[in-house]
């Protein structure tokens, strides 16, 4: 099983990939359809149990989808 943290770290550290080109969709109660999508260039930090964007800490368990160049690398099955 692949986890969001593993996928994001792979994108960040592989020399042939650029985290700015990925998109992360996560669960955010109150947003339209309870989802928010951010670009990889908005990710400030990849922590142990969360990632940080614009001063907000998003737990990895809220990640619904990670895509890179139009290809889906991670999808939460709900």
PDB file of N, CA and C in Angstrom:
ATOM      1  N   UNK A   1       0.839  -1.185   0.000  1.00  0.00           N
ATOM      2  CA  UNK A   1       0.000   0.000   0.000  1.00  0.00           C
ATOM      3  C   UNK A   1       0.883   1.247   0.000  1.00  0.00           C
ATOM      4  N   UNK A   2       0.518   2.209  -0.801  1.00  0.00           N
ATOM      5  CA  UNK A   2       1.261   3.462  -0.905  1.00  0.00           C
ATOM      6  C   UNK A   2       0.521   4.538  -0.111  1.00  0.00           C
ATOM      7  N   UNK A   3       1.282   5.371   0.585  1.00  0.00           N
ATOM      8  CA  UNK A   3       0.707   6.430   1.408  1.00  0.00           C
ATOM      9  C   UNK A   3       1.056   7.800   0.824  1.00  0.00           C
ATOM     10  N   UNK A   4       0.214   8.817   1.077  1.00  0.00           N
ATOM     11  CA  UNK A   4       0.446  10.153   0.515  1.00  0.00           C
ATOM     12  C   UNK A   4       1.826  10.722   0.833  1.00  0.00           C
ATOM     13  N   UNK A   5       2.279  10.523   2.047  1.00  0.00           N
ATOM     14  CA  UNK A   5       3.589  11.053   2.423  1.00  0.00           C
ATOM     15  C   UNK A   5       4.689  10.466   1.547  1.00  0.00           C
ATOM     16  N   UNK A   6       4.614   9.162   1.286  1.00  0.00           N
ATOM     17  CA  UNK A   6       5.605   8.503   0.437  1.00  0.00           C
ATOM     18  C   UNK A   6       5.582   9.069  -0.979  1.00  0.00           C
ATOM     19  N   UNK A   7       4.394   9.270  -1.516  1.00  0.00           N
ATOM     20  CA  UNK A   7       4.256   9.796  -2.878  1.00  0.00           C
ATOM     21  C   UNK A   7       4.838  11.202  -2.963  1.00  0.00           C
ATOM     22  N   UNK A   8       4.480  12.069  -2.014  1.00  0.00           N
ATOM     23  CA  UNK A   8       4.979  13.442  -2.044  1.00  0.00           C
ATOM     24  C   UNK A   8       6.491  13.506  -1.843  1.00  0.00           C
ATOM     25  N   UNK A   9       7.030  12.684  -0.968  1.00  0.00           N
ATOM     26  CA  UNK A   9       8.481  12.661  -0.779  1.00  0.00           C
ATOM     27  C   UNK A   9       9.196  12.158  -2.027  1.00  0.00           C
ATOM     28  N   UNK A  10       8.628  11.181  -2.693  1.00  0.00           N
ATOM     29  CA  UNK A  10       9.216  10.692  -3.940  1.00  0.00           C
ATOM     30  C   UNK A  10       9.271  11.813  -4.974  1.00  0.00           C
ATOM     31  N   UNK A  11       8.152  12.520  -5.135  1.00  0.00           N
ATOM     32  CA  UNK A  11       8.110  13.622  -6.106  1.00  0.00           C
ATOM     33  C   UNK A  11       9.123  14.696  -5.732  1.00  0.00           C
ATOM     34  N   UNK A  12       9.212  15.014  -4.457  1.00  0.00           N
ATOM     35  CA  UNK A  12      10.120  16.083  -4.002  1.00  0.00           C
ATOM     36  C   UNK A  12      11.590  15.739  -4.235  1.00  0.00           C
ATOM     37  N   UNK A  13      11.984  14.501  -3.992  1.00  0.00           N
ATOM     38  CA  UNK A  13      13.400  14.159  -3.992  1.00  0.00           C
ATOM     39  C   UNK A  13      13.929  13.528  -5.274  1.00  0.00           C
ATOM     40  N   UNK A  14      13.043  13.072  -6.157  1.00  0.00           N
ATOM     41  CA  UNK A  14      13.541  12.521  -7.422  1.00  0.00           C
ATOM     42  C   UNK A  14      14.032  13.649  -8.317  1.00  0.00           C
ATOM     43  N   UNK A  15      15.181  13.475  -8.892  1.00  0.00           N
ATOM     44  CA  UNK A  15      15.778  14.512  -9.731  1.00  0.00           C
ATOM     45  C   UNK A  15      14.999  14.750 -11.015  1.00  0.00           C
ATOM     46  N   UNK A  16      14.290  13.739 -11.487  1.00  0.00           N
ATOM     47  CA  UNK A  16      13.540  13.882 -12.730  1.00  0.00           C
ATOM     48  C   UNK A  16      12.101  14.351 -12.507  1.00  0.00           C
ATOM     49  N   UNK A  17      11.763  14.740 -11.277  1.00  0.00           N
ATOM     50  CA  UNK A  17      10.411  15.230 -10.984  1.00  0.00           C
ATOM     51  C   UNK A  17      10.508  16.590 -10.298  1.00  0.00           C
ATOM     52  N   UNK A  18       9.439  17.365 -10.418  1.00  0.00           N
ATOM     53  CA  UNK A  18       9.371  18.700  -9.819  1.00  0.00           C
ATOM     54  C   UNK A  18       8.074  18.789  -9.029  1.00  0.00           C
ATOM     55  N   UNK A  19       8.179  18.976  -7.723  1.00  0.00           N
ATOM     56  CA  UNK A  19       6.988  19.005  -6.872  1.00  0.00           C
ATOM     57  C   UNK A  19       6.015  20.117  -7.273  1.00  0.00           C
ATOM     58  N   UNK A  20       6.511  21.144  -7.915  1.00  0.00           N
ATOM     59  CA  UNK A  20       5.643  22.241  -8.367  1.00  0.00           C
ATOM     60  C   UNK A  20       4.638  21.770  -9.414  1.00  0.00           C
ATOM     61  N   UNK A  21       4.906  20.637 -10.061  1.00  0.00           N
ATOM     62  CA  UNK A  21       4.028  20.135 -11.111  1.00  0.00           C
ATOM     63  C   UNK A  21       2.948  19.179 -10.606  1.00  0.00           C
ATOM     64  N   UNK A  22       2.948  18.911  -9.302  1.00  0.00           N
ATOM     65  CA  UNK A  22       1.921  18.004  -8.788  1.00  0.00           C
ATOM     66  C   UNK A  22       0.726  18.791  -8.254  1.00  0.00           C
ATOM     67  N   UNK A  23      -0.388  18.110  -8.130  1.00  0.00           N
ATOM     68  CA  UNK A  23      -1.618  18.670  -7.559  1.00  0.00           C
ATOM     69  C   UNK A  23      -2.061  17.733  -6.440  1.00  0.00           C
ATOM     70  N   UNK A  24      -2.468  18.323  -5.321  1.00  0.00           N
ATOM     71  CA  UNK A  24      -2.939  17.546  -4.179  1.00  0.00           C
ATOM     72  C   UNK A  24      -4.357  18.008  -3.851  1.00  0.00           C
ATOM     73  N   UNK A  25      -5.274  17.074  -3.817  1.00  0.00           N
ATOM     74  CA  UNK A  25      -6.655  17.349  -3.433  1.00  0.00           C
ATOM     75  C   UNK A  25      -6.866  16.730  -2.059  1.00  0.00           C
ATOM     76  N   UNK A  26      -7.399  17.548  -1.143  1.00  0.00           N
ATOM     77  CA  UNK A  26      -7.607  17.033   0.204  1.00  0.00           C
ATOM     78  C   UNK A  26      -8.962  17.449   0.751  1.00  0.00           C
ATOM     79  N   UNK A  27      -9.405  16.703   1.748  1.00  0.00           N
ATOM     80  CA  UNK A  27     -10.683  16.934   2.401  1.00  0.00           C
ATOM     81  C   UNK A  27     -10.595  18.177   3.265  1.00  0.00           C
ATOM     82  N   UNK A  28     -11.537  19.118   3.043  1.00  0.00           N
ATOM     83  CA  UNK A  28     -11.583  20.353   3.823  1.00  0.00           C
ATOM     84  C   UNK A  28     -13.050  20.698   4.054  1.00  0.00           C
ATOM     85  N   UNK A  29     -13.535  20.384   5.212  1.00  0.00           N
ATOM     86  CA  UNK A  29     -14.943  20.638   5.522  1.00  0.00           C
ATOM     87  C   UNK A  29     -15.265  22.125   5.385  1.00  0.00           C
ATOM     88  N   UNK A  30     -16.352  22.411   4.699  1.00  0.00           N
ATOM     89  CA  UNK A  30     -16.769  23.793   4.490  1.00  0.00           C
ATOM     90  C   UNK A  30     -16.409  24.335   3.119  1.00  0.00           C
ATOM     91  N   UNK A  31     -15.441  23.714   2.472  1.00  0.00           N
ATOM     92  CA  UNK A  31     -15.088  24.130   1.109  1.00  0.00           C
ATOM     93  C   UNK A  31     -16.115  23.534   0.151  1.00  0.00           C
ATOM     94  N   UNK A  32     -16.153  24.049  -1.062  1.00  0.00           N
ATOM     95  CA  UNK A  32     -17.062  23.513  -2.068  1.00  0.00           C
ATOM     96  C   UNK A  32     -16.758  22.029  -2.282  1.00  0.00           C
ATOM     97  N   UNK A  33     -17.777  21.201  -2.196  1.00  0.00           N
ATOM     98  CA  UNK A  33     -17.643  19.731  -2.294  1.00  0.00           C
ATOM     99  C   UNK A  33     -16.719  19.151  -1.217  1.00  0.00           C
ATOM    100  N   UNK A  34     -16.444  19.932  -0.171  1.00  0.00           N
ATOM    101  CA  UNK A  34     -15.566  19.513   0.936  1.00  0.00           C
ATOM    102  C   UNK A  34     -14.162  19.150   0.461  1.00  0.00           C
ATOM    103  N   UNK A  35     -13.714  19.782  -0.616  1.00  0.00           N
ATOM    104  CA  UNK A  35     -12.395  19.493  -1.175  1.00  0.00           C
ATOM    105  C   UNK A  35     -11.667  20.782  -1.558  1.00  0.00           C
ATOM    106  N   UNK A  36     -10.370  20.740  -1.412  1.00  0.00           N
ATOM    107  CA  UNK A  36      -9.506  21.829  -1.871  1.00  0.00           C
ATOM    108  C   UNK A  36      -8.362  21.193  -2.657  1.00  0.00           C
ATOM    109  N   UNK A  37      -7.968  21.838  -3.747  1.00  0.00           N
ATOM    110  CA  UNK A  37      -6.826  21.385  -4.536  1.00  0.00           C
ATOM    111  C   UNK A  37      -5.732  22.437  -4.451  1.00  0.00           C
ATOM    112  N   UNK A  38      -4.517  21.986  -4.182  1.00  0.00           N
ATOM    113  CA  UNK A  38      -3.374  22.891  -4.154  1.00  0.00           C
ATOM    114  C   UNK A  38      -2.309  22.371  -5.107  1.00  0.00           C
ATOM    115  N   UNK A  39      -1.512  23.276  -5.612  1.00  0.00           N
ATOM    116  CA  UNK A  39      -0.372  22.912  -6.457  1.00  0.00           C
ATOM    117  C   UNK A  39       0.807  22.586  -5.557  1.00  0.00           C
ATOM    118  N   UNK A  40       1.674  21.756  -6.062  1.00  0.00           N
ATOM    119  CA  UNK A  40       2.851  21.380  -5.297  1.00  0.00           C
ATOM    120  C   UNK A  40       3.721  22.554  -4.903  1.00  0.00           C
ATOM    121  N   UNK A  41       3.711  23.621  -5.707  1.00  0.00           N
ATOM    122  CA  UNK A  41       4.538  24.781  -5.354  1.00  0.00           C
ATOM    123  C   UNK A  41       3.997  25.541  -4.149  1.00  0.00           C
ATOM    124  N   UNK A  42       2.787  25.215  -3.696  1.00  0.00           N
ATOM    125  CA  UNK A  42       2.226  25.823  -2.494  1.00  0.00           C
ATOM    126  C   UNK A  42       2.617  25.062  -1.228  1.00  0.00           C
ATOM    127  N   UNK A  43       3.184  23.883  -1.386  1.00  0.00           N
ATOM    128  CA  UNK A  43       3.591  23.080  -0.237  1.00  0.00           C
ATOM    129  C   UNK A  43       4.901  23.636   0.312  1.00  0.00           C
ATOM    130  N   UNK A  44       4.850  24.019   1.577  1.00  0.00           N
ATOM    131  CA  UNK A  44       6.001  24.634   2.232  1.00  0.00           C
ATOM    132  C   UNK A  44       6.848  23.601   2.963  1.00  0.00           C
ATOM    133  N   UNK A  45       6.185  22.574   3.500  1.00  0.00           N
ATOM    134  CA  UNK A  45       6.891  21.582   4.308  1.00  0.00           C
ATOM    135  C   UNK A  45       6.182  20.236   4.233  1.00  0.00           C
ATOM    136  N   UNK A  46       6.972  19.183   4.200  1.00  0.00           N
ATOM    137  CA  UNK A  46       6.439  17.823   4.294  1.00  0.00           C
ATOM    138  C   UNK A  46       6.868  17.267   5.647  1.00  0.00           C
ATOM    139  N   UNK A  47       5.947  17.267   6.591  1.00  0.00           N
ATOM    140  CA  UNK A  47       6.247  16.774   7.926  1.00  0.00           C
ATOM    141  C   UNK A  47       6.004  15.281   8.049  1.00  0.00           C
ATOM    142  N   UNK A  48       6.140  14.778   9.250  1.00  0.00           N
ATOM    143  CA  UNK A  48       5.967  13.345   9.509  1.00  0.00           C
ATOM    144  C   UNK A  48       4.508  12.917   9.374  1.00  0.00           C
ATOM    145  N   UNK A  49       3.569  13.735   9.876  1.00  0.00           N
ATOM    146  CA  UNK A  49       2.149  13.357   9.831  1.00  0.00           C
ATOM    147  C   UNK A  49       1.277  14.395   9.131  1.00  0.00           C
ATOM    148  N   UNK A  50       1.889  15.411   8.561  1.00  0.00           N
ATOM    149  CA  UNK A  50       1.155  16.476   7.893  1.00  0.00           C
ATOM    150  C   UNK A  50       2.030  17.127   6.830  1.00  0.00           C
ATOM    151  N   UNK A  51       1.376  17.907   5.951  1.00  0.00           N
ATOM    152  CA  UNK A  51       2.134  18.804   5.079  1.00  0.00           C
ATOM    153  C   UNK A  51       1.589  20.209   5.304  1.00  0.00           C
ATOM    154  N   UNK A  52       2.407  21.190   5.054  1.00  0.00           N
ATOM    155  CA  UNK A  52       2.039  22.570   5.350  1.00  0.00           C
ATOM    156  C   UNK A  52       1.881  23.368   4.064  1.00  0.00           C
ATOM    157  N   UNK A  53       0.748  24.082   3.953  1.00  0.00           N
ATOM    158  CA  UNK A  53       0.494  25.016   2.848  1.00  0.00           C
ATOM    159  C   UNK A  53      -0.067  26.304   3.437  1.00  0.00           C
ATOM    160  N   UNK A  54       0.451  27.430   2.981  1.00  0.00           N
ATOM    161  CA  UNK A  54      -0.056  28.743   3.403  1.00  0.00           C
ATOM    162  C   UNK A  54      -0.335  28.828   4.906  1.00  0.00           C
ATOM    163  N   UNK A  55       0.554  28.281   5.699  1.00  0.00           N
ATOM    164  CA  UNK A  55       0.395  28.377   7.144  1.00  0.00           C
ATOM    165  C   UNK A  55      -0.567  27.364   7.741  1.00  0.00           C
ATOM    166  N   UNK A  56      -1.196  26.532   6.915  1.00  0.00           N
ATOM    167  CA  UNK A  56      -2.099  25.498   7.411  1.00  0.00           C
ATOM    168  C   UNK A  56      -1.392  24.151   7.396  1.00  0.00           C
ATOM    169  N   UNK A  57      -1.630  23.361   8.419  1.00  0.00           N
ATOM    170  CA  UNK A  57      -1.065  22.019   8.502  1.00  0.00           C
ATOM    171  C   UNK A  57      -2.165  21.028   8.136  1.00  0.00           C
ATOM    172  N   UNK A  58      -1.944  20.257   7.069  1.00  0.00           N
ATOM    173  CA  UNK A  58      -2.936  19.318   6.557  1.00  0.00           C
ATOM    174  C   UNK A  58      -2.466  17.895   6.871  1.00  0.00           C
ATOM    175  N   UNK A  59      -3.227  17.161   7.678  1.00  0.00           N
ATOM    176  CA  UNK A  59      -2.844  15.769   7.953  1.00  0.00           C
ATOM    177  C   UNK A  59      -2.920  14.920   6.680  1.00  0.00           C
ATOM    178  N   UNK A  60      -1.973  14.006   6.535  1.00  0.00           N
ATOM    179  CA  UNK A  60      -1.948  13.162   5.345  1.00  0.00           C
ATOM    180  C   UNK A  60      -3.206  12.323   5.193  1.00  0.00           C
ATOM    181  N   UNK A  61      -3.867  11.992   6.295  1.00  0.00           N
ATOM    182  CA  UNK A  61      -5.073  11.161   6.175  1.00  0.00           C
ATOM    183  C   UNK A  61      -6.229  11.891   5.497  1.00  0.00           C
ATOM    184  N   UNK A  62      -6.083  13.198   5.281  1.00  0.00           N
ATOM    185  CA  UNK A  62      -7.115  13.954   4.559  1.00  0.00           C
ATOM    186  C   UNK A  62      -6.867  14.023   3.050  1.00  0.00           C
ATOM    187  N   UNK A  63      -5.722  13.543   2.598  1.00  0.00           N
ATOM    188  CA  UNK A  63      -5.389  13.589   1.174  1.00  0.00           C
ATOM    189  C   UNK A  63      -6.267  12.592   0.425  1.00  0.00           C
ATOM    190  N   UNK A  64      -6.929  13.094  -0.606  1.00  0.00           N
ATOM    191  CA  UNK A  64      -7.819  12.276  -1.420  1.00  0.00           C
ATOM    192  C   UNK A  64      -7.171  11.872  -2.742  1.00  0.00           C
ATOM    193  N   UNK A  65      -6.337  12.752  -3.302  1.00  0.00           N
ATOM    194  CA  UNK A  65      -5.786  12.512  -4.631  1.00  0.00           C
ATOM    195  C   UNK A  65      -4.470  13.263  -4.793  1.00  0.00           C
ATOM    196  N   UNK A  66      -3.506  12.611  -5.428  1.00  0.00           N
ATOM    197  CA  UNK A  66      -2.258  13.274  -5.818  1.00  0.00           C
ATOM    198  C   UNK A  66      -2.037  12.947  -7.290  1.00  0.00           C
ATOM    199  N   UNK A  67      -1.878  13.991  -8.095  1.00  0.00           N
ATOM    200  CA  UNK A  67      -1.604  13.772  -9.517  1.00  0.00           C
ATOM    201  C   UNK A  67      -0.320  14.507  -9.903  1.00  0.00           C
ATOM    202  N   UNK A  68       0.312  13.995 -10.948  1.00  0.00           N
ATOM    203  CA  UNK A  68       1.541  14.591 -11.452  1.00  0.00           C
ATOM    204  C   UNK A  68       1.489  14.533 -12.970  1.00  0.00           C
ATOM    205  N   UNK A  69       1.501  15.697 -13.590  1.00  0.00           N
ATOM    206  CA  UNK A  69       1.446  15.756 -15.051  1.00  0.00           C
ATOM    207  C   UNK A  69       0.221  15.071 -15.623  1.00  0.00           C
ATOM    208  N   UNK A  70      -0.893  15.146 -14.909  1.00  0.00           N
ATOM    209  CA  UNK A  70      -2.132  14.543 -15.379  1.00  0.00           C
ATOM    210  C   UNK A  70      -2.302  13.074 -15.009  1.00  0.00           C
ATOM    211  N   UNK A  71      -1.254  12.455 -14.476  1.00  0.00           N
ATOM    212  CA  UNK A  71      -1.321  11.042 -14.079  1.00  0.00           C
ATOM    213  C   UNK A  71      -1.616  10.947 -12.580  1.00  0.00           C
ATOM    214  N   UNK A  72      -2.560  10.115 -12.207  1.00  0.00           N
ATOM    215  CA  UNK A  72      -2.912   9.939 -10.795  1.00  0.00           C
ATOM    216  C   UNK A  72      -1.904   8.994 -10.151  1.00  0.00           C
ATOM    217  N   UNK A  73      -1.219   9.498  -9.118  1.00  0.00           N
ATOM    218  CA  UNK A  73      -0.235   8.696  -8.404  1.00  0.00           C
ATOM    219  C   UNK A  73      -0.790   8.120  -7.105  1.00  0.00           C
ATOM    220  N   UNK A  74      -1.815   8.773  -6.580  1.00  0.00           N
ATOM    221  CA  UNK A  74      -2.445   8.315  -5.338  1.00  0.00           C
ATOM    222  C   UNK A  74      -3.918   8.700  -5.364  1.00  0.00           C
ATOM    223  N   UNK A  75      -4.761   7.758  -4.952  1.00  0.00           N
ATOM    224  CA  UNK A  75      -6.189   8.036  -4.816  1.00  0.00           C
ATOM    225  C   UNK A  75      -6.685   7.296  -3.585  1.00  0.00           C
ATOM    226  N   UNK A  76      -7.312   8.034  -2.673  1.00  0.00           N
ATOM    227  CA  UNK A  76      -7.906   7.438  -1.484  1.00  0.00           C
ATOM    228  C   UNK A  76      -9.200   6.737  -1.873  1.00  0.00           C
ATOM    229  N   UNK A  77      -9.370   5.539  -1.422  1.00  0.00           N
ATOM    230  CA  UNK A  77     -10.594   4.794  -1.699  1.00  0.00           C
ATOM    231  C   UNK A  77     -11.544   5.022  -0.539  1.00  0.00           C
ATOM    232  N   UNK A  78     -12.611   5.728  -0.800  1.00  0.00           N
ATOM    233  CA  UNK A  78     -13.605   6.027   0.247  1.00  0.00           C
ATOM    234  C   UNK A  78     -14.923   5.488  -0.139  1.00  0.00           C
TER     235      UNK A  78
END
